């Protein structure tokens, strides 16, 4: 009988790239998991382990990739709103 991976593991697309400080980042596209790595090989190894060893679901990105482990990534509007809320709480 053939064993199958759970659906959540087999459908994860993992982005790999460098952050603004030059560190390697691997992050699932919706922020479910990720990490910082010393080299690309370590980032790829992590990505393959986490996505069920599916190399077709590992994507190199040429742009800067900052690690964010939020389940729903911040948009610029939400980030501005949350910083305004923080300022109001500090002033109160």
C-alpha atoms as a PDB file:
ATOM      1  CA  UNK A   1       0.000   0.000   0.000  1.00  0.00           C
ATOM      2  CA  UNK A   2       1.325   3.452  -0.915  1.00  0.00           C
ATOM      3  CA  UNK A   3       1.800   5.979   1.884  1.00  0.00           C
ATOM      4  CA  UNK A   4       0.810   9.546   1.142  1.00  0.00           C
ATOM      5  CA  UNK A   5       1.839  12.784   2.795  1.00  0.00           C
ATOM      6  CA  UNK A   6      -0.775  14.887   4.589  1.00  0.00           C
ATOM      7  CA  UNK A   7      -2.252  17.500   2.223  1.00  0.00           C
ATOM      8  CA  UNK A   8      -0.794  20.430   4.165  1.00  0.00           C
ATOM      9  CA  UNK A   9       2.756  19.063   3.811  1.00  0.00           C
ATOM     10  CA  UNK A  10       2.544  18.229   0.137  1.00  0.00           C
ATOM     11  CA  UNK A  11       1.139  21.582  -1.022  1.00  0.00           C
ATOM     12  CA  UNK A  12       3.566  23.955   0.731  1.00  0.00           C
ATOM     13  CA  UNK A  13       5.548  26.208  -1.586  1.00  0.00           C
ATOM     14  CA  UNK A  14       8.751  27.365   0.080  1.00  0.00           C
ATOM     15  CA  UNK A  15      10.508  30.548  -1.028  1.00  0.00           C
ATOM     16  CA  UNK A  16      14.288  30.755  -0.724  1.00  0.00           C
ATOM     17  CA  UNK A  17      16.350  33.929  -0.971  1.00  0.00           C
ATOM     18  CA  UNK A  18      18.558  36.372   0.907  1.00  0.00           C
ATOM     19  CA  UNK A  19      17.343  38.972   3.378  1.00  0.00           C
ATOM     20  CA  UNK A  20      18.591  42.570   3.535  1.00  0.00           C
ATOM     21  CA  UNK A  21      21.531  41.498   5.742  1.00  0.00           C
ATOM     22  CA  UNK A  22      22.681  38.793   3.328  1.00  0.00           C
ATOM     23  CA  UNK A  23      21.418  35.813   5.350  1.00  0.00           C
ATOM     24  CA  UNK A  24      19.672  32.958   3.565  1.00  0.00           C
ATOM     25  CA  UNK A  25      15.947  32.652   4.288  1.00  0.00           C
ATOM     26  CA  UNK A  26      13.548  29.788   3.628  1.00  0.00           C
ATOM     27  CA  UNK A  27       9.895  30.541   4.233  1.00  0.00           C
ATOM     28  CA  UNK A  28       6.607  28.861   3.384  1.00  0.00           C
ATOM     29  CA  UNK A  29       4.600  31.253   1.212  1.00  0.00           C
ATOM     30  CA  UNK A  30       1.873  31.898   3.789  1.00  0.00           C
ATOM     31  CA  UNK A  31       4.265  32.107   6.760  1.00  0.00           C
ATOM     32  CA  UNK A  32       3.509  28.734   8.386  1.00  0.00           C
ATOM     33  CA  UNK A  33       7.213  27.954   8.835  1.00  0.00           C
ATOM     34  CA  UNK A  34      10.597  29.342   7.953  1.00  0.00           C
ATOM     35  CA  UNK A  35      14.100  30.028   9.159  1.00  0.00           C
ATOM     36  CA  UNK A  36      17.444  31.787   8.707  1.00  0.00           C
ATOM     37  CA  UNK A  37      20.409  29.813   7.394  1.00  0.00           C
ATOM     38  CA  UNK A  38      24.153  30.252   6.928  1.00  0.00           C
ATOM     39  CA  UNK A  39      24.088  29.053   3.310  1.00  0.00           C
ATOM     40  CA  UNK A  40      21.743  28.156   0.479  1.00  0.00           C
ATOM     41  CA  UNK A  41      22.301  24.408   0.869  1.00  0.00           C
ATOM     42  CA  UNK A  42      21.020  24.491   4.458  1.00  0.00           C
ATOM     43  CA  UNK A  43      17.966  26.525   3.396  1.00  0.00           C
ATOM     44  CA  UNK A  44      17.158  24.052   0.604  1.00  0.00           C
ATOM     45  CA  UNK A  45      17.611  21.055   2.918  1.00  0.00           C
ATOM     46  CA  UNK A  46      15.167  22.603   5.425  1.00  0.00           C
ATOM     47  CA  UNK A  47      12.672  23.489   2.676  1.00  0.00           C
ATOM     48  CA  UNK A  48      12.699  19.958   1.281  1.00  0.00           C
ATOM     49  CA  UNK A  49      12.294  18.426   4.725  1.00  0.00           C
ATOM     50  CA  UNK A  50       9.342  20.671   5.543  1.00  0.00           C
ATOM     51  CA  UNK A  51       7.502  20.308   2.227  1.00  0.00           C
ATOM     52  CA  UNK A  52       7.666  16.525   1.937  1.00  0.00           C
ATOM     53  CA  UNK A  53      10.779  16.363  -0.284  1.00  0.00           C
ATOM     54  CA  UNK A  54       9.154  18.076  -3.254  1.00  0.00           C
ATOM     55  CA  UNK A  55      11.854  20.059  -5.104  1.00  0.00           C
ATOM     56  CA  UNK A  56       9.266  21.439  -7.537  1.00  0.00           C
ATOM     57  CA  UNK A  57       7.693  23.316  -4.589  1.00  0.00           C
ATOM     58  CA  UNK A  58      10.949  25.119  -3.671  1.00  0.00           C
ATOM     59  CA  UNK A  59      11.246  28.486  -5.412  1.00  0.00           C
ATOM     60  CA  UNK A  60      14.331  30.728  -5.535  1.00  0.00           C
ATOM     61  CA  UNK A  61      13.447  34.393  -5.371  1.00  0.00           C
ATOM     62  CA  UNK A  62      15.826  37.059  -6.739  1.00  0.00           C
ATOM     63  CA  UNK A  63      14.290  39.791  -4.578  1.00  0.00           C
ATOM     64  CA  UNK A  64      14.970  40.456  -0.899  1.00  0.00           C
ATOM     65  CA  UNK A  65      13.132  37.939   1.281  1.00  0.00           C
ATOM     66  CA  UNK A  66      12.611  38.965   4.913  1.00  0.00           C
ATOM     67  CA  UNK A  67      11.627  36.270   7.397  1.00  0.00           C
ATOM     68  CA  UNK A  68       8.125  36.783   8.747  1.00  0.00           C
ATOM     69  CA  UNK A  69       6.406  34.002  10.663  1.00  0.00           C
ATOM     70  CA  UNK A  70       2.924  35.511  10.710  1.00  0.00           C
ATOM     71  CA  UNK A  71       0.188  33.167   9.569  1.00  0.00           C
ATOM     72  CA  UNK A  72      -1.180  36.003   7.448  1.00  0.00           C
ATOM     73  CA  UNK A  73       1.559  38.297   6.115  1.00  0.00           C
ATOM     74  CA  UNK A  74       1.266  42.000   6.865  1.00  0.00           C
ATOM     75  CA  UNK A  75       0.268  44.295   4.026  1.00  0.00           C
ATOM     76  CA  UNK A  76       1.546  47.840   4.057  1.00  0.00           C
ATOM     77  CA  UNK A  77      -1.897  49.071   5.226  1.00  0.00           C
ATOM     78  CA  UNK A  78      -2.015  46.634   8.160  1.00  0.00           C
ATOM     79  CA  UNK A  79       1.584  47.431   9.131  1.00  0.00           C
ATOM     80  CA  UNK A  80       0.832  51.177   9.191  1.00  0.00           C
ATOM     81  CA  UNK A  81      -2.348  50.592  11.217  1.00  0.00           C
ATOM     82  CA  UNK A  82      -0.599  48.378  13.768  1.00  0.00           C
ATOM     83  CA  UNK A  83       2.204  50.924  14.278  1.00  0.00           C
ATOM     84  CA  UNK A  84      -0.401  53.682  14.814  1.00  0.00           C
ATOM     85  CA  UNK A  85      -2.164  51.481  17.383  1.00  0.00           C
ATOM     86  CA  UNK A  86       1.148  50.912  19.191  1.00  0.00           C
ATOM     87  CA  UNK A  87       1.825  54.636  19.332  1.00  0.00           C
ATOM     88  CA  UNK A  88      -1.662  55.306  20.742  1.00  0.00           C
ATOM     89  CA  UNK A  89      -1.233  52.630  23.422  1.00  0.00           C
ATOM     90  CA  UNK A  90       2.103  54.066  24.473  1.00  0.00           C
ATOM     91  CA  UNK A  91       0.671  57.582  24.691  1.00  0.00           C
ATOM     92  CA  UNK A  92      -2.329  56.526  26.741  1.00  0.00           C
END
